[in-house]
Amino acid sequence: MPRTPNEYAVHLLLENGHREEVRFPTIQEFQKWYSGELVPKSASSDFISVPIKNIQGEYMVVRPSRIVAIRVEPVFSSSVERFN
């Protein structure tokens, strides 16, 4: 029986070598943001908003043309947290 991820960690690798991690509750939420916000403006140097749903009062903006790679990682409740 396959396990179901509790959330998805999306790693944005930026042109200058920086990495940012954003978490989405479902893969569908990520796909909605990716296809609705990121792909249509992929060549743009204008900022777009990146949703940070699990941190109140914090937001992130990024230039879509500066994202060189995206890694999507399923996170399971039984996974060992890296920060503990």
Protein backbone atom coordinates (compact mmCIF):
# COMPACT_ATOMS: atom_id res chain seq x y z
CA MET A 1 0.00 0.00 0.00
CA PRO A 2 1.64 3.29 -1.06
CA ARG A 3 2.17 5.99 1.52
CA THR A 4 0.60 9.42 1.03
CA PRO A 5 2.85 12.46 1.59
CA ASN A 6 1.76 14.97 4.23
CA GLU A 7 3.19 17.87 2.22
CA TYR A 8 5.66 18.65 -0.55
CA ALA A 9 8.93 20.53 -0.14
CA VAL A 10 9.67 22.52 -3.30
CA HIS A 11 13.29 23.57 -3.68
CA LEU A 12 13.85 26.57 -5.95
CA LEU A 13 17.42 26.77 -7.26
CA LEU A 14 18.19 30.31 -8.33
CA GLU A 15 20.61 31.61 -10.94
CA ASN A 16 23.07 33.04 -8.40
CA GLY A 17 23.42 29.73 -6.52
CA HIS A 18 20.90 30.48 -3.79
CA ARG A 19 18.32 27.88 -2.80
CA GLU A 20 14.92 28.44 -1.27
CA GLU A 21 12.50 25.88 0.10
CA VAL A 22 8.75 26.36 0.04
CA ARG A 23 6.21 23.82 1.27
CA PHE A 24 2.89 23.03 -0.36
CA PRO A 25 0.16 20.96 1.32
CA THR A 26 -0.61 18.97 -1.86
CA ILE A 27 0.99 18.34 -5.24
CA GLN A 28 -2.12 19.90 -6.80
CA GLU A 29 -1.47 23.18 -4.94
CA PHE A 30 2.08 23.23 -6.31
CA GLN A 31 0.91 22.41 -9.84
CA LYS A 32 -1.70 25.18 -9.66
CA TRP A 33 0.95 27.76 -8.66
CA TYR A 34 3.48 26.39 -11.16
CA SER A 35 1.15 26.37 -14.17
CA GLY A 36 -0.83 29.48 -13.19
CA GLU A 37 1.92 31.82 -11.97
CA LEU A 38 5.38 30.58 -12.88
CA VAL A 39 5.08 29.12 -16.39
CA PRO A 40 3.17 32.04 -17.99
CA LYS A 41 5.82 34.48 -16.72
CA SER A 42 8.87 32.23 -17.03
CA ALA A 43 10.87 34.70 -19.14
CA SER A 44 9.83 37.74 -17.10
CA SER A 45 12.13 39.76 -14.86
CA ASP A 46 9.12 41.05 -12.89
CA PHE A 47 8.59 39.68 -9.40
CA ILE A 48 5.92 37.06 -8.75
CA SER A 49 4.68 35.99 -5.35
CA VAL A 50 5.63 32.57 -3.97
CA PRO A 51 3.03 31.25 -1.51
CA ILE A 52 4.30 30.52 1.99
CA LYS A 53 1.21 29.10 3.66
CA ASN A 54 2.72 27.64 6.81
CA ILE A 55 4.43 30.83 8.04
CA GLN A 56 2.16 33.68 9.11
CA GLY A 57 3.13 37.22 8.10
CA GLU A 58 5.96 36.15 5.81
CA TYR A 59 6.07 36.22 2.04
CA MET A 60 8.57 35.72 -0.75
CA VAL A 61 8.85 37.13 -4.25
CA VAL A 62 11.08 35.83 -7.01
CA ARG A 63 11.94 36.70 -10.58
CA PRO A 64 10.78 33.73 -12.70
CA SER A 65 13.60 34.20 -15.20
CA ARG A 66 16.15 33.62 -12.41
CA ILE A 67 14.89 30.14 -11.45
CA VAL A 68 17.17 27.55 -13.05
CA ALA A 69 15.76 24.37 -11.48
CA ILE A 70 12.93 23.13 -9.28
CA ARG A 71 13.02 19.98 -7.16
CA VAL A 72 9.81 18.61 -5.63
CA GLU A 73 10.23 16.31 -2.64
CA PRO A 74 7.38 14.47 -0.91
CA VAL A 75 7.50 14.78 2.89
CA PHE A 76 5.95 12.06 5.03
CA SER A 77 4.95 12.47 8.67
CA SER A 78 7.26 9.57 9.49
CA SER A 79 10.21 11.37 7.84
CA VAL A 80 12.99 12.57 10.10
CA GLU A 81 13.03 16.36 10.18
CA ARG A 82 16.35 17.91 9.22
CA PHE A 83 16.08 20.71 11.76
CA ASN A 84 15.45 18.70 14.94
